[in-house]
Amino acid sequence: MIYVMMALYQEAHGLIRELELKKNTAYAPFEVFDNESAGIRLVVTGVGEIAAAAATAAVCARDGADA
């Protein structure tokens, strides 16, 4: 799985549309979009270092991703 982290939905919108990503509500409170068959998961983290770190840590912990 390829993980893409973006701060704002506005900057992610084109990629979400182009890659046909679907919203995945299992990652609340974070906005996550994925396409399992393409192996891509996009996370809208929110602005700032702390928001990005929190979203990244939460998604990696849930998915068991290795750094």
PDB file of N, CA and C in Angstrom:
ATOM      1  N   MET A   1       0.853  -1.177   0.000  1.00  0.00           N
ATOM      2  CA  MET A   1       0.000   0.000   0.000  1.00  0.00           C
ATOM      3  C   MET A   1       0.896   1.235   0.000  1.00  0.00           C
ATOM      4  N   ILE A   2       0.564   2.182  -0.842  1.00  0.00           N
ATOM      5  CA  ILE A   2       1.255   3.471  -0.888  1.00  0.00           C
ATOM      6  C   ILE A   2       0.406   4.468  -0.114  1.00  0.00           C
ATOM      7  N   TYR A   3       1.014   5.162   0.830  1.00  0.00           N
ATOM      8  CA  TYR A   3       0.321   6.155   1.642  1.00  0.00           C
ATOM      9  C   TYR A   3       0.735   7.546   1.187  1.00  0.00           C
ATOM     10  N   VAL A   4      -0.248   8.408   0.969  1.00  0.00           N
ATOM     11  CA  VAL A   4      -0.006   9.798   0.581  1.00  0.00           C
ATOM     12  C   VAL A   4      -0.643  10.674   1.648  1.00  0.00           C
ATOM     13  N   MET A   5       0.141  11.581   2.210  1.00  0.00           N
ATOM     14  CA  MET A   5      -0.366  12.501   3.226  1.00  0.00           C
ATOM     15  C   MET A   5      -0.430  13.900   2.622  1.00  0.00           C
ATOM     16  N   MET A   6      -1.575  14.542   2.753  1.00  0.00           N
ATOM     17  CA  MET A   6      -1.755  15.909   2.269  1.00  0.00           C
ATOM     18  C   MET A   6      -2.475  16.695   3.350  1.00  0.00           C
ATOM     19  N   ALA A   7      -2.121  17.963   3.492  1.00  0.00           N
ATOM     20  CA  ALA A   7      -2.680  18.774   4.570  1.00  0.00           C
ATOM     21  C   ALA A   7      -4.136  19.153   4.341  1.00  0.00           C
ATOM     22  N   LEU A   8      -4.488  19.534   3.117  1.00  0.00           N
ATOM     23  CA  LEU A   8      -5.817  20.075   2.844  1.00  0.00           C
ATOM     24  C   LEU A   8      -6.563  19.288   1.779  1.00  0.00           C
ATOM     25  N   TYR A   9      -7.869  19.205   1.949  1.00  0.00           N
ATOM     26  CA  TYR A   9      -8.696  18.526   0.953  1.00  0.00           C
ATOM     27  C   TYR A   9      -8.578  19.217  -0.401  1.00  0.00           C
ATOM     28  N   GLN A  10      -8.485  20.550  -0.399  1.00  0.00           N
ATOM     29  CA  GLN A  10      -8.405  21.298  -1.649  1.00  0.00           C
ATOM     30  C   GLN A  10      -7.206  20.872  -2.488  1.00  0.00           C
ATOM     31  N   GLU A  11      -6.085  20.578  -1.860  1.00  0.00           N
ATOM     32  CA  GLU A  11      -4.912  20.148  -2.620  1.00  0.00           C
ATOM     33  C   GLU A  11      -4.991  18.668  -2.988  1.00  0.00           C
ATOM     34  N   ALA A  12      -5.779  17.901  -2.273  1.00  0.00           N
ATOM     35  CA  ALA A  12      -5.911  16.466  -2.537  1.00  0.00           C
ATOM     36  C   ALA A  12      -7.011  16.145  -3.545  1.00  0.00           C
ATOM     37  N   HIS A  13      -7.934  17.065  -3.746  1.00  0.00           N
ATOM     38  CA  HIS A  13      -9.129  16.805  -4.552  1.00  0.00           C
ATOM     39  C   HIS A  13      -8.814  16.265  -5.947  1.00  0.00           C
ATOM     40  N   GLY A  14      -7.875  16.870  -6.647  1.00  0.00           N
ATOM     41  CA  GLY A  14      -7.526  16.415  -7.994  1.00  0.00           C
ATOM     42  C   GLY A  14      -6.990  14.991  -8.005  1.00  0.00           C
ATOM     43  N   LEU A  15      -6.158  14.662  -7.046  1.00  0.00           N
ATOM     44  CA  LEU A  15      -5.592  13.315  -6.947  1.00  0.00           C
ATOM     45  C   LEU A  15      -6.672  12.296  -6.569  1.00  0.00           C
ATOM     46  N   ILE A  16      -7.559  12.685  -5.685  1.00  0.00           N
ATOM     47  CA  ILE A  16      -8.667  11.805  -5.297  1.00  0.00           C
ATOM     48  C   ILE A  16      -9.509  11.467  -6.520  1.00  0.00           C
ATOM     49  N   ARG A  17      -9.809  12.483  -7.305  1.00  0.00           N
ATOM     50  CA  ARG A  17     -10.628  12.278  -8.503  1.00  0.00           C
ATOM     51  C   ARG A  17      -9.881  11.458  -9.553  1.00  0.00           C
ATOM     52  N   GLU A  18      -8.631  11.808  -9.813  1.00  0.00           N
ATOM     53  CA  GLU A  18      -7.843  11.147 -10.861  1.00  0.00           C
ATOM     54  C   GLU A  18      -7.594   9.668 -10.560  1.00  0.00           C
ATOM     55  N   LEU A  19      -7.356   9.346  -9.297  1.00  0.00           N
ATOM     56  CA  LEU A  19      -7.063   7.962  -8.907  1.00  0.00           C
ATOM     57  C   LEU A  19      -8.314   7.189  -8.492  1.00  0.00           C
ATOM     58  N   GLU A  20      -9.474   7.843  -8.603  1.00  0.00           N
ATOM     59  CA  GLU A  20     -10.756   7.219  -8.255  1.00  0.00           C
ATOM     60  C   GLU A  20     -10.756   6.685  -6.822  1.00  0.00           C
ATOM     61  N   LEU A  21     -10.274   7.511  -5.905  1.00  0.00           N
ATOM     62  CA  LEU A  21     -10.233   7.132  -4.498  1.00  0.00           C
ATOM     63  C   LEU A  21     -11.613   7.322  -3.875  1.00  0.00           C
ATOM     64  N   LYS A  22     -11.964   6.426  -2.984  1.00  0.00           N
ATOM     65  CA  LYS A  22     -13.251   6.477  -2.288  1.00  0.00           C
ATOM     66  C   LYS A  22     -13.014   6.763  -0.814  1.00  0.00           C
ATOM     67  N   LYS A  23     -13.920   7.525  -0.212  1.00  0.00           N
ATOM     68  CA  LYS A  23     -13.788   7.870   1.202  1.00  0.00           C
ATOM     69  C   LYS A  23     -13.915   6.615   2.063  1.00  0.00           C
ATOM     70  N   ASN A  24     -13.013   6.500   3.033  1.00  0.00           N
ATOM     71  CA  ASN A  24     -12.993   5.375   3.961  1.00  0.00           C
ATOM     72  C   ASN A  24     -13.247   5.937   5.363  1.00  0.00           C
ATOM     73  N   THR A  25     -14.404   5.656   5.921  1.00  0.00           N
ATOM     74  CA  THR A  25     -14.787   6.237   7.212  1.00  0.00           C
ATOM     75  C   THR A  25     -14.212   5.493   8.415  1.00  0.00           C
ATOM     76  N   ALA A  26     -13.474   4.442   8.187  1.00  0.00           N
ATOM     77  CA  ALA A  26     -12.911   3.650   9.287  1.00  0.00           C
ATOM     78  C   ALA A  26     -11.785   4.376  10.017  1.00  0.00           C
ATOM     79  N   TYR A  27     -11.334   5.502   9.486  1.00  0.00           N
ATOM     80  CA  TYR A  27     -10.194   6.205  10.066  1.00  0.00           C
ATOM     81  C   TYR A  27     -10.585   7.493  10.777  1.00  0.00           C
ATOM     82  N   ALA A  28     -11.862   7.661  11.106  1.00  0.00           N
ATOM     83  CA  ALA A  28     -12.318   8.878  11.786  1.00  0.00           C
ATOM     84  C   ALA A  28     -11.457   9.115  13.023  1.00  0.00           C
ATOM     85  N   PRO A  29     -11.091  10.326  13.314  1.00  0.00           N
ATOM     86  CA  PRO A  29     -11.581  11.592  12.786  1.00  0.00           C
ATOM     87  C   PRO A  29     -10.842  12.093  11.545  1.00  0.00           C
ATOM     88  N   PHE A  30      -9.949  11.302  10.991  1.00  0.00           N
ATOM     89  CA  PHE A  30      -9.185  11.742   9.821  1.00  0.00           C
ATOM     90  C   PHE A  30      -9.934  11.424   8.539  1.00  0.00           C
ATOM     91  N   GLU A  31      -9.747  12.286   7.536  1.00  0.00           N
ATOM     92  CA  GLU A  31     -10.338  12.030   6.222  1.00  0.00           C
ATOM     93  C   GLU A  31      -9.379  11.137   5.447  1.00  0.00           C
ATOM     94  N   VAL A  32      -9.834   9.952   5.105  1.00  0.00           N
ATOM     95  CA  VAL A  32      -9.002   8.992   4.386  1.00  0.00           C
ATOM     96  C   VAL A  32      -9.752   8.550   3.138  1.00  0.00           C
ATOM     97  N   PHE A  33      -9.015   8.486   2.032  1.00  0.00           N
ATOM     98  CA  PHE A  33      -9.561   8.052   0.754  1.00  0.00           C
ATOM     99  C   PHE A  33      -8.646   6.961   0.231  1.00  0.00           C
ATOM    100  N   ASP A  34      -9.221   5.904  -0.334  1.00  0.00           N
ATOM    101  CA  ASP A  34      -8.353   4.852  -0.842  1.00  0.00           C
ATOM    102  C   ASP A  34      -8.932   4.165  -2.063  1.00  0.00           C
ATOM    103  N   ASN A  35      -8.048   3.427  -2.704  1.00  0.00           N
ATOM    104  CA  ASN A  35      -8.394   2.567  -3.828  1.00  0.00           C
ATOM    105  C   ASN A  35      -7.605   1.293  -3.581  1.00  0.00           C
ATOM    106  N   GLU A  36      -8.259   0.313  -2.987  1.00  0.00           N
ATOM    107  CA  GLU A  36      -7.583  -0.931  -2.599  1.00  0.00           C
ATOM    108  C   GLU A  36      -6.956  -1.639  -3.790  1.00  0.00           C
ATOM    109  N   SER A  37      -7.641  -1.654  -4.923  1.00  0.00           N
ATOM    110  CA  SER A  37      -7.103  -2.367  -6.086  1.00  0.00           C
ATOM    111  C   SER A  37      -5.856  -1.693  -6.636  1.00  0.00           C
ATOM    112  N   ALA A  38      -5.753  -0.375  -6.483  1.00  0.00           N
ATOM    113  CA  ALA A  38      -4.561   0.348  -6.929  1.00  0.00           C
ATOM    114  C   ALA A  38      -3.493   0.393  -5.840  1.00  0.00           C
ATOM    115  N   GLY A  39      -3.870   0.051  -4.611  1.00  0.00           N
ATOM    116  CA  GLY A  39      -2.911   0.041  -3.507  1.00  0.00           C
ATOM    117  C   GLY A  39      -2.508   1.427  -3.046  1.00  0.00           C
ATOM    118  N   ILE A  40      -3.477   2.374  -3.055  1.00  0.00           N
ATOM    119  CA  ILE A  40      -3.176   3.751  -2.669  1.00  0.00           C
ATOM    120  C   ILE A  40      -4.139   4.193  -1.576  1.00  0.00           C
ATOM    121  N   ARG A  41      -3.594   4.822  -0.543  1.00  0.00           N
ATOM    122  CA  ARG A  41      -4.411   5.396   0.519  1.00  0.00           C
ATOM    123  C   ARG A  41      -3.937   6.834   0.730  1.00  0.00           C
ATOM    124  N   LEU A  42      -4.865   7.781   0.662  1.00  0.00           N
ATOM    125  CA  LEU A  42      -4.558   9.197   0.836  1.00  0.00           C
ATOM    126  C   LEU A  42      -5.194   9.679   2.125  1.00  0.00           C
ATOM    127  N   VAL A  43      -4.415  10.385   2.931  1.00  0.00           N
ATOM    128  CA  VAL A  43      -4.890  10.892   4.212  1.00  0.00           C
ATOM    129  C   VAL A  43      -4.825  12.411   4.192  1.00  0.00           C
ATOM    130  N   VAL A  44      -5.950  13.061   4.483  1.00  0.00           N
ATOM    131  CA  VAL A  44      -5.979  14.511   4.650  1.00  0.00           C
ATOM    132  C   VAL A  44      -5.712  14.760   6.130  1.00  0.00           C
ATOM    133  N   THR A  45      -4.513  15.274   6.419  1.00  0.00           N
ATOM    134  CA  THR A  45      -4.039  15.350   7.799  1.00  0.00           C
ATOM    135  C   THR A  45      -4.474  16.593   8.546  1.00  0.00           C
ATOM    136  N   GLY A  46      -4.714  17.673   7.830  1.00  0.00           N
ATOM    137  CA  GLY A  46      -4.893  18.968   8.466  1.00  0.00           C
ATOM    138  C   GLY A  46      -3.561  19.697   8.454  1.00  0.00           C
ATOM    139  N   VAL A  47      -3.612  20.984   8.731  1.00  0.00           N
ATOM    140  CA  VAL A  47      -2.431  21.841   8.625  1.00  0.00           C
ATOM    141  C   VAL A  47      -1.571  21.743   9.884  1.00  0.00           C
ATOM    142  N   GLY A  48      -0.267  21.701   9.694  1.00  0.00           N
ATOM    143  CA  GLY A  48       0.675  21.759  10.800  1.00  0.00           C
ATOM    144  C   GLY A  48       1.390  20.446  11.060  1.00  0.00           C
ATOM    145  N   GLU A  49       2.532  20.579  11.701  1.00  0.00           N
ATOM    146  CA  GLU A  49       3.374  19.424  11.989  1.00  0.00           C
ATOM    147  C   GLU A  49       2.700  18.441  12.938  1.00  0.00           C
ATOM    148  N   ILE A  50       2.023  18.951  13.938  1.00  0.00           N
ATOM    149  CA  ILE A  50       1.389  18.073  14.919  1.00  0.00           C
ATOM    150  C   ILE A  50       0.234  17.306  14.287  1.00  0.00           C
ATOM    151  N   ALA A  51      -0.577  17.992  13.482  1.00  0.00           N
ATOM    152  CA  ALA A  51      -1.694  17.323  12.800  1.00  0.00           C
ATOM    153  C   ALA A  51      -1.175  16.245  11.857  1.00  0.00           C
ATOM    154  N   ALA A  52      -0.116  16.560  11.115  1.00  0.00           N
ATOM    155  CA  ALA A  52       0.459  15.584  10.184  1.00  0.00           C
ATOM    156  C   ALA A  52       1.030  14.381  10.933  1.00  0.00           C
ATOM    157  N   ALA A  53       1.720  14.643  12.033  1.00  0.00           N
ATOM    158  CA  ALA A  53       2.299  13.551  12.823  1.00  0.00           C
ATOM    159  C   ALA A  53       1.208  12.680  13.443  1.00  0.00           C
ATOM    160  N   ALA A  54       0.154  13.301  13.958  1.00  0.00           N
ATOM    161  CA  ALA A  54      -0.936  12.545  14.578  1.00  0.00           C
ATOM    162  C   ALA A  54      -1.649  11.665  13.557  1.00  0.00           C
ATOM    163  N   ALA A  55      -1.942  12.218  12.392  1.00  0.00           N
ATOM    164  CA  ALA A  55      -2.631  11.444  11.354  1.00  0.00           C
ATOM    165  C   ALA A  55      -1.756  10.302  10.857  1.00  0.00           C
ATOM    166  N   THR A  56      -0.490  10.581  10.643  1.00  0.00           N
ATOM    167  CA  THR A  56       0.433   9.551  10.163  1.00  0.00           C
ATOM    168  C   THR A  56       0.562   8.425  11.184  1.00  0.00           C
ATOM    169  N   ALA A  57       0.730   8.784  12.448  1.00  0.00           N
ATOM    170  CA  ALA A  57       0.858   7.774  13.501  1.00  0.00           C
ATOM    171  C   ALA A  57      -0.416   6.939  13.630  1.00  0.00           C
ATOM    172  N   ALA A  58      -1.571   7.578  13.555  1.00  0.00           N
ATOM    173  CA  ALA A  58      -2.839   6.857  13.696  1.00  0.00           C
ATOM    174  C   ALA A  58      -3.055   5.868  12.557  1.00  0.00           C
ATOM    175  N   VAL A  59      -2.778   6.303  11.337  1.00  0.00           N
ATOM    176  CA  VAL A  59      -2.978   5.424  10.184  1.00  0.00           C
ATOM    177  C   VAL A  59      -1.976   4.270  10.207  1.00  0.00           C
ATOM    178  N   CYS A  60      -0.727   4.570  10.524  1.00  0.00           N
ATOM    179  CA  CYS A  60       0.286   3.508  10.578  1.00  0.00           C
ATOM    180  C   CYS A  60      -0.018   2.511  11.694  1.00  0.00           C
ATOM    181  N   ALA A  61      -0.475   2.998  12.836  1.00  0.00           N
ATOM    182  CA  ALA A  61      -0.812   2.104  13.942  1.00  0.00           C
ATOM    183  C   ALA A  61      -1.999   1.215  13.583  1.00  0.00           C
ATOM    184  N   ARG A  62      -2.992   1.778  12.931  1.00  0.00           N
ATOM    185  CA  ARG A  62      -4.183   1.004  12.566  1.00  0.00           C
ATOM    186  C   ARG A  62      -3.871  -0.036  11.506  1.00  0.00           C
ATOM    187  N   ASP A  63      -3.041   0.335  10.538  1.00  0.00           N
ATOM    188  CA  ASP A  63      -2.740  -0.565   9.424  1.00  0.00           C
ATOM    189  C   ASP A  63      -1.542  -1.464   9.685  1.00  0.00           C
ATOM    190  N   GLY A  64      -0.811  -1.204  10.756  1.00  0.00           N
ATOM    191  CA  GLY A  64       0.377  -1.996  11.029  1.00  0.00           C
ATOM    192  C   GLY A  64       1.490  -1.722  10.038  1.00  0.00           C
ATOM    193  N   ALA A  65       1.524  -0.498   9.511  1.00  0.00           N
ATOM    194  CA  ALA A  65       2.527  -0.137   8.506  1.00  0.00           C
ATOM    195  C   ALA A  65       3.901   0.015   9.144  1.00  0.00           C
ATOM    196  N   ASP A  66       4.921  -0.398   8.415  1.00  0.00           N
ATOM    197  CA  ASP A  66       6.300  -0.227   8.852  1.00  0.00           C
ATOM    198  C   ASP A  66       6.859   1.053   8.257  1.00  0.00           C
ATOM    199  N   ALA A  67       7.699   1.722   9.012  1.00  0.00           N
ATOM    200  CA  ALA A  67       8.321   2.952   8.510  1.00  0.00           C
ATOM    201  C   ALA A  67       9.474   2.617   7.598  1.00  0.00           C
TER     202      ALA A  67
END
